Amino acid sequence: MPRLVDHEQRRRQITDAVRRVIVGGGLEKVTFQTVAVEAGISVRLVQYYFGTKKDFLLATHRSVMEDAGARFAQRWTALGAEATPRKAIHAVLTELLPLDDQRREEIIVLGAFDWAAIAGQRGNTEETFFAPEALATIIADQLRRAQPDDLPSPGDPDRDAEVIAMATGGLAHSILQGFSTEQAAIGLVDHLLDLVLGAQGGRVDSTQH
């Protein structure tokens, strides 16, 4: 009796291979041939599941976003409704830093797609910049929770959130480039939150990432 093929598993095998090719050499190294070799299957099989290079690149981008989103949702749920705004924002930001192999791979792959979109090579800017906008919205919502109504200078949660989101992206890339260590980047996240939130909620245990 012939073995049944799990098509979703096969597609995932291919998109995982695309990720590894990107991490190893960038988007320019991605071809049907390199992906097939990395996945350990034939070029014809890659073409069977993805008719064009654009198809498997879009599927790879989607798989990275889904993986990161699922992990983020799990972390967010684990925080619980009683988490302070500072703890919630800290958890969100550290999920975006390359503190393990999975997050490192995701940041490299998504960064490759971002630069390709900026250069006009592929993708569209709406898809590329949706995640930072969503991140800033989440942070802004938490900043609003942290601000007393009677604060004389409440600041601007939306602009503060944009600064925090952009700064965290820079910290992530600084770790990848070897400019900053993981602990130094986490320390800068704490410093940034000190500037925006003061000492409210206290610092988060830096070992829980």
N, C-alpha and C. Protein backbone atom coordinates (compact mmCIF):
# COMPACT_ATOMS: atom_id res chain seq x y z
N MET A 1 0.86 -1.19 0.00
CA MET A 1 0.00 0.00 0.00
C MET A 1 0.89 1.24 0.00
N PRO A 2 0.69 2.17 -0.94
CA PRO A 2 1.55 3.36 -1.01
C PRO A 2 1.39 4.23 0.23
N ARG A 3 2.49 4.87 0.64
CA ARG A 3 2.47 5.72 1.81
C ARG A 3 1.78 7.04 1.47
N LEU A 4 0.87 7.46 2.36
CA LEU A 4 0.18 8.72 2.15
C LEU A 4 1.14 9.88 2.42
N VAL A 5 1.04 10.91 1.61
CA VAL A 5 1.92 12.06 1.75
C VAL A 5 1.17 13.17 2.49
N ASP A 6 1.78 13.70 3.53
CA ASP A 6 1.22 14.85 4.25
C ASP A 6 1.67 16.09 3.49
N HIS A 7 0.75 16.67 2.73
CA HIS A 7 1.12 17.78 1.85
C HIS A 7 1.54 19.02 2.65
N GLU A 8 0.88 19.27 3.77
CA GLU A 8 1.27 20.43 4.57
C GLU A 8 2.67 20.24 5.15
N GLN A 9 2.97 19.02 5.55
CA GLN A 9 4.31 18.74 6.07
C GLN A 9 5.36 18.92 4.97
N ARG A 10 5.03 18.51 3.76
CA ARG A 10 5.96 18.67 2.64
C ARG A 10 6.17 20.15 2.32
N ARG A 11 5.10 20.91 2.34
CA ARG A 11 5.23 22.34 2.08
C ARG A 11 6.09 22.99 3.16
N ARG A 12 5.89 22.54 4.39
CA ARG A 12 6.69 23.09 5.49
C ARG A 12 8.15 22.70 5.34
N GLN A 13 8.40 21.50 4.88
CA GLN A 13 9.77 21.06 4.64
C GLN A 13 10.46 22.00 3.64
N ILE A 14 9.71 22.41 2.64
CA ILE A 14 10.27 23.29 1.61
C ILE A 14 10.48 24.71 2.15
N THR A 15 9.48 25.26 2.84
CA THR A 15 9.64 26.63 3.36
C THR A 15 10.72 26.69 4.44
N ASP A 16 10.88 25.62 5.21
CA ASP A 16 11.98 25.59 6.18
C ASP A 16 13.32 25.62 5.46
N ALA A 17 13.39 24.92 4.33
CA ALA A 17 14.62 24.93 3.55
C ALA A 17 14.90 26.32 2.99
N VAL A 18 13.85 27.00 2.55
CA VAL A 18 14.01 28.37 2.05
C VAL A 18 14.59 29.26 3.15
N ARG A 19 14.07 29.10 4.35
CA ARG A 19 14.59 29.88 5.48
C ARG A 19 16.09 29.67 5.65
N ARG A 20 16.51 28.40 5.63
CA ARG A 20 17.92 28.11 5.86
C ARG A 20 18.80 28.66 4.74
N VAL A 21 18.30 28.62 3.52
CA VAL A 21 19.06 29.19 2.40
C VAL A 21 19.21 30.70 2.59
N ILE A 22 18.14 31.37 3.02
CA ILE A 22 18.19 32.82 3.24
C ILE A 22 19.19 33.14 4.35
N VAL A 23 19.12 32.39 5.46
CA VAL A 23 20.04 32.63 6.57
C VAL A 23 21.48 32.43 6.13
N GLY A 24 21.69 31.44 5.28
CA GLY A 24 23.05 31.13 4.84
C GLY A 24 23.61 32.04 3.78
N GLY A 25 22.73 32.64 2.96
CA GLY A 25 23.27 33.44 1.86
C GLY A 25 22.41 34.58 1.37
N GLY A 26 21.26 34.81 2.01
CA GLY A 26 20.39 35.90 1.58
C GLY A 26 19.40 35.47 0.51
N LEU A 27 18.49 36.36 0.19
CA LEU A 27 17.45 36.05 -0.80
C LEU A 27 18.03 35.75 -2.18
N GLU A 28 19.16 36.36 -2.50
CA GLU A 28 19.74 36.16 -3.83
C GLU A 28 20.20 34.72 -4.05
N LYS A 29 20.38 33.97 -2.97
CA LYS A 29 20.81 32.58 -3.10
C LYS A 29 19.63 31.61 -3.25
N VAL A 30 18.42 32.13 -3.14
CA VAL A 30 17.24 31.26 -3.20
C VAL A 30 16.87 30.96 -4.64
N THR A 31 16.96 29.70 -5.03
CA THR A 31 16.51 29.23 -6.34
C THR A 31 15.82 27.88 -6.12
N PHE A 32 15.15 27.38 -7.15
CA PHE A 32 14.56 26.05 -7.04
C PHE A 32 15.64 25.02 -6.72
N GLN A 33 16.81 25.19 -7.32
CA GLN A 33 17.88 24.22 -7.13
C GLN A 33 18.43 24.25 -5.70
N THR A 34 18.72 25.45 -5.18
CA THR A 34 19.29 25.52 -3.83
C THR A 34 18.29 25.06 -2.78
N VAL A 35 17.02 25.37 -2.98
CA VAL A 35 15.99 24.95 -2.03
C VAL A 35 15.83 23.44 -2.07
N ALA A 36 15.85 22.86 -3.26
CA ALA A 36 15.71 21.41 -3.39
C ALA A 36 16.86 20.69 -2.70
N VAL A 37 18.08 21.18 -2.90
CA VAL A 37 19.25 20.56 -2.26
C VAL A 37 19.13 20.67 -0.74
N GLU A 38 18.75 21.84 -0.26
CA GLU A 38 18.63 22.06 1.19
C GLU A 38 17.54 21.19 1.80
N ALA A 39 16.44 21.00 1.05
CA ALA A 39 15.34 20.19 1.55
C ALA A 39 15.58 18.70 1.37
N GLY A 40 16.54 18.35 0.53
CA GLY A 40 16.82 16.95 0.27
C GLY A 40 15.79 16.28 -0.62
N ILE A 41 15.21 17.06 -1.54
CA ILE A 41 14.21 16.53 -2.46
C ILE A 41 14.55 17.02 -3.88
N SER A 42 13.76 16.60 -4.85
CA SER A 42 14.03 16.98 -6.24
C SER A 42 13.48 18.36 -6.55
N VAL A 43 14.07 18.98 -7.56
CA VAL A 43 13.58 20.27 -8.03
C VAL A 43 12.13 20.12 -8.51
N ARG A 44 11.84 19.02 -9.17
CA ARG A 44 10.49 18.80 -9.68
C ARG A 44 9.46 18.78 -8.55
N LEU A 45 9.86 18.23 -7.40
CA LEU A 45 8.93 18.18 -6.27
C LEU A 45 8.69 19.58 -5.70
N VAL A 46 9.73 20.39 -5.63
CA VAL A 46 9.55 21.78 -5.19
C VAL A 46 8.59 22.49 -6.14
N GLN A 47 8.77 22.28 -7.44
CA GLN A 47 7.90 22.91 -8.44
C GLN A 47 6.46 22.39 -8.36
N TYR A 48 6.30 21.16 -7.93
CA TYR A 48 4.96 20.60 -7.78
C TYR A 48 4.19 21.34 -6.71
N TYR A 49 4.85 21.65 -5.61
CA TYR A 49 4.17 22.32 -4.50
C TYR A 49 4.13 23.84 -4.66
N PHE A 50 5.13 24.38 -5.33
CA PHE A 50 5.19 25.82 -5.53
C PHE A 50 5.58 26.08 -6.99
N GLY A 51 4.62 26.54 -7.76
CA GLY A 51 4.86 26.68 -9.19
C GLY A 51 5.87 27.73 -9.57
N THR A 52 6.03 28.75 -8.73
CA THR A 52 6.98 29.82 -9.02
C THR A 52 7.82 30.14 -7.79
N LYS A 53 8.92 30.80 -8.01
CA LYS A 53 9.76 31.23 -6.90
C LYS A 53 9.00 32.18 -5.99
N LYS A 54 8.19 33.05 -6.58
CA LYS A 54 7.40 33.98 -5.77
C LYS A 54 6.47 33.22 -4.84
N ASP A 55 5.91 32.11 -5.31
CA ASP A 55 4.99 31.32 -4.49
C ASP A 55 5.67 30.81 -3.23
N PHE A 56 6.87 30.23 -3.36
CA PHE A 56 7.48 29.68 -2.14
C PHE A 56 8.11 30.77 -1.27
N LEU A 57 8.45 31.90 -1.87
CA LEU A 57 8.92 33.01 -1.03
C LEU A 57 7.78 33.58 -0.19
N LEU A 58 6.61 33.77 -0.80
CA LEU A 58 5.47 34.26 -0.05
C LEU A 58 5.05 33.28 1.03
N ALA A 59 5.08 31.99 0.72
CA ALA A 59 4.73 30.97 1.70
C ALA A 59 5.73 30.96 2.85
N THR A 60 7.01 31.19 2.54
CA THR A 60 8.03 31.24 3.59
C THR A 60 7.82 32.44 4.49
N HIS A 61 7.57 33.59 3.90
CA HIS A 61 7.31 34.80 4.68
C HIS A 61 6.12 34.57 5.60
N ARG A 62 5.07 33.96 5.06
CA ARG A 62 3.86 33.72 5.84
C ARG A 62 4.14 32.74 6.98
N SER A 63 4.94 31.73 6.73
CA SER A 63 5.22 30.74 7.77
C SER A 63 6.02 31.35 8.92
N VAL A 64 6.95 32.25 8.59
CA VAL A 64 7.72 32.91 9.64
C VAL A 64 6.81 33.80 10.48
N MET A 65 5.94 34.55 9.83
CA MET A 65 5.02 35.43 10.54
C MET A 65 4.09 34.62 11.43
N GLU A 66 3.61 33.48 10.92
CA GLU A 66 2.71 32.65 11.70
C GLU A 66 3.41 32.03 12.91
N ASP A 67 4.65 31.57 12.72
CA ASP A 67 5.40 30.99 13.83
C ASP A 67 5.66 32.04 14.91
N ALA A 68 6.10 33.21 14.48
CA ALA A 68 6.38 34.28 15.44
C ALA A 68 5.09 34.72 16.14
N GLY A 69 4.00 34.80 15.38
CA GLY A 69 2.72 35.19 15.97
C GLY A 69 2.21 34.19 16.99
N ALA A 70 2.38 32.91 16.68
CA ALA A 70 1.92 31.86 17.61
C ALA A 70 2.75 31.89 18.90
N ARG A 71 4.05 32.09 18.76
CA ARG A 71 4.90 32.15 19.95
C ARG A 71 4.57 33.39 20.78
N PHE A 72 4.35 34.50 20.10
CA PHE A 72 3.99 35.73 20.78
C PHE A 72 2.67 35.57 21.53
N ALA A 73 1.68 34.95 20.88
CA ALA A 73 0.38 34.75 21.51
C ALA A 73 0.50 33.87 22.75
N GLN A 74 1.34 32.85 22.66
CA GLN A 74 1.56 31.97 23.80
C GLN A 74 2.20 32.75 24.96
N ARG A 75 3.18 33.58 24.65
CA ARG A 75 3.84 34.39 25.68
C ARG A 75 2.85 35.38 26.28
N TRP A 76 2.03 35.96 25.44
CA TRP A 76 1.05 36.97 25.89
C TRP A 76 0.02 36.33 26.82
N THR A 77 -0.45 35.14 26.45
CA THR A 77 -1.42 34.43 27.28
C THR A 77 -0.83 34.06 28.63
N ALA A 78 0.44 33.64 28.62
CA ALA A 78 1.09 33.24 29.86
C ALA A 78 1.25 34.42 30.82
N LEU A 79 1.31 35.65 30.30
CA LEU A 79 1.45 36.81 31.17
C LEU A 79 0.23 36.98 32.07
N GLY A 80 -0.95 36.73 31.50
CA GLY A 80 -2.18 36.88 32.27
C GLY A 80 -2.66 38.32 32.29
N ALA A 81 -3.91 38.49 32.66
CA ALA A 81 -4.54 39.81 32.64
C ALA A 81 -3.97 40.75 33.70
N GLU A 82 -3.32 40.21 34.72
CA GLU A 82 -2.83 41.03 35.81
C GLU A 82 -1.43 41.59 35.56
N ALA A 83 -0.83 41.27 34.43
CA ALA A 83 0.52 41.77 34.15
C ALA A 83 0.52 43.29 34.09
N THR A 84 1.55 43.90 34.67
CA THR A 84 1.66 45.35 34.61
C THR A 84 2.00 45.77 33.18
N PRO A 85 1.70 47.02 32.83
CA PRO A 85 2.06 47.49 31.48
C PRO A 85 3.54 47.31 31.18
N ARG A 86 4.38 47.58 32.16
CA ARG A 86 5.83 47.44 31.92
C ARG A 86 6.19 45.98 31.63
N LYS A 87 5.65 45.07 32.42
CA LYS A 87 5.95 43.65 32.21
C LYS A 87 5.44 43.19 30.85
N ALA A 88 4.26 43.66 30.47
CA ALA A 88 3.69 43.28 29.18
C ALA A 88 4.54 43.79 28.03
N ILE A 89 4.94 45.06 28.09
CA ILE A 89 5.76 45.63 27.02
C ILE A 89 7.12 44.95 26.98
N HIS A 90 7.71 44.71 28.13
CA HIS A 90 9.01 44.04 28.20
C HIS A 90 8.95 42.67 27.53
N ALA A 91 7.87 41.92 27.80
CA ALA A 91 7.71 40.59 27.20
C ALA A 91 7.59 40.69 25.69
N VAL A 92 6.83 41.67 25.21
CA VAL A 92 6.67 41.87 23.77
C VAL A 92 8.01 42.18 23.12
N LEU A 93 8.76 43.08 23.72
CA LEU A 93 10.01 43.52 23.11
C LEU A 93 11.07 42.43 23.10
N THR A 94 11.18 41.67 24.18
CA THR A 94 12.20 40.62 24.21
C THR A 94 11.87 39.49 23.25
N GLU A 95 10.59 39.31 22.91
CA GLU A 95 10.25 38.32 21.89
C GLU A 95 10.80 38.72 20.52
N LEU A 96 11.10 40.00 20.35
CA LEU A 96 11.60 40.49 19.07
C LEU A 96 13.12 40.51 18.98
N LEU A 97 13.78 40.13 20.06
CA LEU A 97 15.25 40.10 20.05
C LEU A 97 15.73 38.69 19.74
N PRO A 98 16.86 38.55 19.04
CA PRO A 98 17.39 37.22 18.67
C PRO A 98 18.09 36.56 19.85
N LEU A 99 17.29 36.13 20.83
CA LEU A 99 17.84 35.55 22.05
C LEU A 99 17.96 34.03 21.98
N ASP A 100 17.53 33.43 20.88
CA ASP A 100 17.73 32.00 20.66
C ASP A 100 17.78 31.77 19.15
N ASP A 101 18.07 30.54 18.75
CA ASP A 101 18.25 30.24 17.32
C ASP A 101 16.99 30.51 16.51
N GLN A 102 15.83 30.18 17.06
CA GLN A 102 14.59 30.37 16.31
C GLN A 102 14.33 31.85 16.03
N ARG A 103 14.46 32.68 17.07
CA ARG A 103 14.23 34.11 16.87
C ARG A 103 15.30 34.73 15.98
N ARG A 104 16.52 34.23 16.08
CA ARG A 104 17.59 34.73 15.21
C ARG A 104 17.24 34.45 13.75
N GLU A 105 16.81 33.22 13.47
CA GLU A 105 16.46 32.86 12.09
C GLU A 105 15.31 33.73 11.59
N GLU A 106 14.29 33.92 12.41
CA GLU A 106 13.13 34.70 12.00
C GLU A 106 13.52 36.14 11.67
N ILE A 107 14.36 36.73 12.51
CA ILE A 107 14.76 38.12 12.28
C ILE A 107 15.59 38.25 11.01
N ILE A 108 16.48 37.31 10.75
CA ILE A 108 17.29 37.35 9.53
C ILE A 108 16.39 37.22 8.29
N VAL A 109 15.47 36.25 8.33
CA VAL A 109 14.61 36.01 7.17
C VAL A 109 13.69 37.20 6.92
N LEU A 110 13.02 37.69 7.96
CA LEU A 110 12.13 38.83 7.77
C LEU A 110 12.91 40.07 7.37
N GLY A 111 14.12 40.22 7.90
CA GLY A 111 14.95 41.35 7.50
C GLY A 111 15.31 41.30 6.03
N ALA A 112 15.56 40.09 5.52
CA ALA A 112 15.86 39.94 4.09
C ALA A 112 14.67 40.36 3.24
N PHE A 113 13.48 39.96 3.66
CA PHE A 113 12.28 40.37 2.93
C PHE A 113 12.06 41.88 3.02
N ASP A 114 12.31 42.45 4.19
CA ASP A 114 12.14 43.90 4.37
C ASP A 114 13.03 44.67 3.41
N TRP A 115 14.31 44.27 3.35
CA TRP A 115 15.24 45.00 2.48
C TRP A 115 14.87 44.82 1.01
N ALA A 116 14.38 43.63 0.66
CA ALA A 116 13.96 43.41 -0.73
C ALA A 116 12.78 44.31 -1.08
N ALA A 117 11.84 44.46 -0.13
CA ALA A 117 10.69 45.33 -0.38
C ALA A 117 11.11 46.78 -0.48
N ILE A 118 12.04 47.20 0.38
CA ILE A 118 12.53 48.58 0.34
C ILE A 118 13.21 48.86 -1.00
N ALA A 119 13.95 47.87 -1.49
CA ALA A 119 14.66 48.03 -2.76
C ALA A 119 13.74 47.84 -3.96
N GLY A 120 12.48 47.50 -3.71
CA GLY A 120 11.52 47.31 -4.79
C GLY A 120 11.70 46.02 -5.55
N GLN A 121 12.37 45.04 -4.93
CA GLN A 121 12.64 43.79 -5.63
C GLN A 121 11.46 42.83 -5.59
N ARG A 122 10.76 42.77 -4.44
CA ARG A 122 9.61 41.86 -4.35
C ARG A 122 8.81 42.21 -3.11
N GLY A 123 7.61 41.65 -3.06
CA GLY A 123 6.73 41.90 -1.93
C GLY A 123 6.10 43.27 -2.04
N ASN A 124 5.28 43.63 -1.06
CA ASN A 124 4.72 44.97 -1.06
C ASN A 124 4.89 45.56 0.33
N THR A 125 4.96 46.88 0.37
CA THR A 125 5.26 47.55 1.62
C THR A 125 4.15 47.39 2.64
N GLU A 126 2.91 47.20 2.20
CA GLU A 126 1.83 47.03 3.16
C GLU A 126 2.05 45.77 3.99
N GLU A 127 2.43 44.66 3.35
CA GLU A 127 2.71 43.43 4.08
C GLU A 127 3.96 43.57 4.94
N THR A 128 4.96 44.23 4.41
CA THR A 128 6.23 44.35 5.10
C THR A 128 6.12 45.15 6.38
N PHE A 129 5.36 46.24 6.34
CA PHE A 129 5.32 47.13 7.49
C PHE A 129 4.10 46.94 8.38
N PHE A 130 3.29 45.91 8.10
CA PHE A 130 2.14 45.66 8.96
C PHE A 130 2.56 45.30 10.37
N ALA A 131 3.56 44.43 10.50
CA ALA A 131 3.99 43.95 11.82
C ALA A 131 4.47 45.09 12.71
N PRO A 132 5.36 45.99 12.25
CA PRO A 132 5.77 47.11 13.11
C PRO A 132 4.60 47.99 13.53
N GLU A 133 3.64 48.21 12.64
CA GLU A 133 2.48 49.03 12.99
C GLU A 133 1.65 48.34 14.05
N ALA A 134 1.45 47.02 13.91
CA ALA A 134 0.69 46.26 14.91
C ALA A 134 1.42 46.28 16.25
N LEU A 135 2.75 46.16 16.22
CA LEU A 135 3.54 46.19 17.44
C LEU A 135 3.38 47.53 18.15
N ALA A 136 3.48 48.63 17.39
CA ALA A 136 3.34 49.96 17.99
C ALA A 136 1.96 50.13 18.62
N THR A 137 0.93 49.58 18.00
CA THR A 137 -0.42 49.67 18.55
C THR A 137 -0.51 48.95 19.90
N ILE A 138 0.08 47.75 19.97
CA ILE A 138 0.07 46.97 21.22
C ILE A 138 0.79 47.75 22.32
N ILE A 139 1.96 48.30 21.99
CA ILE A 139 2.73 49.05 22.99
C ILE A 139 1.96 50.28 23.44
N ALA A 140 1.37 51.01 22.49
CA ALA A 140 0.62 52.21 22.83
C ALA A 140 -0.55 51.90 23.77
N ASP A 141 -1.22 50.80 23.53
CA ASP A 141 -2.33 50.40 24.40
C ASP A 141 -1.85 50.17 25.84
N GLN A 142 -0.68 49.55 25.98
CA GLN A 142 -0.13 49.31 27.31
C GLN A 142 0.33 50.61 27.96
N LEU A 143 0.89 51.52 27.17
CA LEU A 143 1.30 52.82 27.72
C LEU A 143 0.10 53.60 28.24
N ARG A 144 -1.03 53.49 27.56
CA ARG A 144 -2.24 54.17 28.03
C ARG A 144 -2.70 53.59 29.37
N ARG A 145 -2.55 52.29 29.54
CA ARG A 145 -2.90 51.68 30.82
C ARG A 145 -2.04 52.22 31.94
N ALA A 146 -0.80 52.59 31.60
CA ALA A 146 0.16 52.99 32.62
C ALA A 146 0.02 54.45 33.02
N GLN A 147 -0.74 55.26 32.29
CA GLN A 147 -0.78 56.69 32.52
C GLN A 147 -1.99 57.09 33.37
N PRO A 148 -1.77 57.66 34.55
CA PRO A 148 -2.89 58.19 35.35
C PRO A 148 -3.56 59.34 34.63
N ASP A 149 -4.86 59.45 34.79
CA ASP A 149 -5.60 60.50 34.10
C ASP A 149 -5.18 61.90 34.55
N ASP A 150 -4.72 62.01 35.78
CA ASP A 150 -4.38 63.34 36.31
C ASP A 150 -2.91 63.70 36.14
N LEU A 151 -2.17 62.92 35.35
CA LEU A 151 -0.76 63.22 35.13
C LEU A 151 -0.64 64.54 34.38
N PRO A 152 0.12 65.53 34.89
CA PRO A 152 0.17 66.85 34.25
C PRO A 152 0.73 66.81 32.83
N SER A 153 1.68 65.93 32.56
CA SER A 153 2.24 65.83 31.21
C SER A 153 2.20 64.36 30.79
N PRO A 154 1.03 63.90 30.31
CA PRO A 154 0.87 62.48 30.03
C PRO A 154 1.68 61.96 28.85
N GLY A 155 2.24 62.85 28.05
CA GLY A 155 3.02 62.39 26.91
C GLY A 155 2.12 61.95 25.77
N ASP A 156 2.71 61.28 24.79
CA ASP A 156 1.99 60.83 23.61
C ASP A 156 2.24 59.33 23.45
N PRO A 157 1.32 58.48 23.90
CA PRO A 157 1.53 57.03 23.84
C PRO A 157 1.83 56.51 22.45
N ASP A 158 1.16 57.08 21.43
CA ASP A 158 1.37 56.59 20.07
C ASP A 158 2.78 56.88 19.58
N ARG A 159 3.27 58.08 19.82
CA ARG A 159 4.63 58.42 19.37
C ARG A 159 5.67 57.68 20.21
N ASP A 160 5.44 57.59 21.52
CA ASP A 160 6.36 56.83 22.36
C ASP A 160 6.43 55.38 21.91
N ALA A 161 5.27 54.81 21.56
CA ALA A 161 5.23 53.42 21.11
C ALA A 161 6.00 53.24 19.81
N GLU A 162 5.91 54.19 18.90
CA GLU A 162 6.65 54.09 17.65
C GLU A 162 8.16 54.13 17.90
N VAL A 163 8.58 55.00 18.81
CA VAL A 163 10.01 55.09 19.15
C VAL A 163 10.49 53.77 19.75
N ILE A 164 9.71 53.20 20.68
CA ILE A 164 10.08 51.95 21.32
C ILE A 164 10.18 50.83 20.30
N ALA A 165 9.18 50.75 19.40
CA ALA A 165 9.18 49.69 18.39
C ALA A 165 10.39 49.80 17.46
N MET A 166 10.67 51.02 17.00
CA MET A 166 11.81 51.21 16.09
C MET A 166 13.14 50.95 16.80
N ALA A 167 13.24 51.39 18.05
CA ALA A 167 14.47 51.17 18.80
C ALA A 167 14.73 49.68 19.01
N THR A 168 13.67 48.93 19.27
CA THR A 168 13.83 47.49 19.49
C THR A 168 14.30 46.79 18.22
N GLY A 169 13.78 47.23 17.07
CA GLY A 169 14.26 46.67 15.81
C GLY A 169 15.75 46.92 15.63
N GLY A 170 16.19 48.12 15.99
CA GLY A 170 17.61 48.43 15.90
C GLY A 170 18.45 47.59 16.85
N LEU A 171 17.93 47.34 18.05
CA LEU A 171 18.65 46.50 19.01
C LEU A 171 18.78 45.07 18.49
N ALA A 172 17.71 44.57 17.87
CA ALA A 172 17.75 43.21 17.32
C ALA A 172 18.86 43.08 16.29
N HIS A 173 18.96 44.04 15.40
CA HIS A 173 19.99 43.97 14.36
C HIS A 173 21.38 44.21 14.93
N SER A 174 21.46 44.99 16.00
CA SER A 174 22.78 45.22 16.61
C SER A 174 23.34 43.93 17.22
N ILE A 175 22.44 43.07 17.74
CA ILE A 175 22.89 41.78 18.26
C ILE A 175 23.38 40.91 17.11
N LEU A 176 22.63 40.88 16.02
CA LEU A 176 23.03 40.06 14.87
C LEU A 176 24.37 40.50 14.31
N GLN A 177 24.62 41.79 14.34
CA GLN A 177 25.87 42.33 13.79
C GLN A 177 27.04 42.22 14.76
N GLY A 178 26.76 41.78 15.99
CA GLY A 178 27.82 41.67 16.98
C GLY A 178 28.17 42.99 17.64
N PHE A 179 27.38 44.02 17.36
CA PHE A 179 27.63 45.33 17.95
C PHE A 179 27.21 45.35 19.42
N SER A 180 26.18 44.57 19.74
CA SER A 180 25.67 44.53 21.11
C SER A 180 25.52 43.08 21.55
N THR A 181 25.69 42.84 22.84
CA THR A 181 25.42 41.52 23.38
C THR A 181 23.94 41.40 23.74
N GLU A 182 23.49 40.18 23.96
CA GLU A 182 22.09 39.97 24.33
C GLU A 182 21.76 40.70 25.63
N GLN A 183 22.61 40.55 26.63
CA GLN A 183 22.34 41.18 27.92
C GLN A 183 22.39 42.70 27.82
N ALA A 184 23.30 43.24 27.01
CA ALA A 184 23.37 44.69 26.83
C ALA A 184 22.09 45.20 26.17
N ALA A 185 21.58 44.46 25.19
CA ALA A 185 20.35 44.87 24.52
C ALA A 185 19.17 44.85 25.47
N ILE A 186 19.09 43.81 26.30
CA ILE A 186 18.00 43.74 27.29
C ILE A 186 18.12 44.91 28.27
N GLY A 187 19.35 45.24 28.65
CA GLY A 187 19.55 46.38 29.53
C GLY A 187 19.08 47.68 28.89
N LEU A 188 19.28 47.82 27.58
CA LEU A 188 18.82 49.02 26.88
C LEU A 188 17.30 49.05 26.77
N VAL A 189 16.68 47.87 26.64
CA VAL A 189 15.21 47.81 26.67
C VAL A 189 14.72 48.33 28.02
N ASP A 190 15.35 47.88 29.10
CA ASP A 190 14.97 48.36 30.44
C ASP A 190 15.16 49.87 30.56
N HIS A 191 16.28 50.35 30.04
CA HIS A 191 16.56 51.79 30.10
C HIS A 191 15.50 52.58 29.32
N LEU A 192 15.13 52.09 28.16
CA LEU A 192 14.12 52.76 27.36
C LEU A 192 12.79 52.81 28.09
N LEU A 193 12.42 51.70 28.74
CA LEU A 193 11.17 51.68 29.49
C LEU A 193 11.26 52.57 30.73
N ASP A 194 12.46 52.70 31.32
CA ASP A 194 12.64 53.64 32.42
C ASP A 194 12.33 55.07 31.97
N LEU A 195 12.81 55.40 30.77
CA LEU A 195 12.60 56.75 30.25
C LEU A 195 11.13 57.05 30.01
N VAL A 196 10.40 56.04 29.55
CA VAL A 196 8.99 56.25 29.20
C VAL A 196 8.06 56.06 30.39
N LEU A 197 8.36 55.03 31.21
CA LEU A 197 7.45 54.67 32.29
C LEU A 197 7.98 55.00 33.68
N GLY A 198 9.23 55.43 33.77
CA GLY A 198 9.82 55.64 35.08
C GLY A 198 10.04 54.30 35.76
N ALA A 199 9.90 54.31 37.07
CA ALA A 199 10.14 53.08 37.84
C ALA A 199 8.87 52.27 38.02
N GLN A 200 7.79 52.66 37.34
CA GLN A 200 6.51 51.98 37.53
C GLN A 200 6.62 50.49 37.20
N GLY A 201 6.17 49.67 38.11
CA GLY A 201 6.13 48.23 37.87
C GLY A 201 7.43 47.53 38.15
N GLY A 202 8.53 48.29 38.31
CA GLY A 202 9.80 47.65 38.59
C GLY A 202 10.37 46.94 37.37
N ARG A 203 11.66 46.66 37.42
CA ARG A 203 12.31 45.96 36.31
C ARG A 203 11.95 44.48 36.30
N VAL A 204 12.00 43.92 35.12
CA VAL A 204 11.65 42.52 34.93
C VAL A 204 12.90 41.67 35.07
N ASP A 205 12.75 40.47 35.62
CA ASP A 205 13.87 39.54 35.75
C ASP A 205 14.45 39.25 34.38
N SER A 206 15.71 39.65 34.15
CA SER A 206 16.32 39.55 32.82
C SER A 206 16.64 38.11 32.42
N THR A 207 16.48 37.15 33.34
CA THR A 207 16.77 35.76 32.99
C THR A 207 15.58 35.07 32.37
N GLN A 208 14.41 35.69 32.35
CA GLN A 208 13.19 35.04 31.86
C GLN A 208 12.88 35.50 30.45
N HIS A 209 13.64 35.00 29.47
CA HIS A 209 13.44 35.40 28.09
C HIS A 209 13.44 34.18 27.18
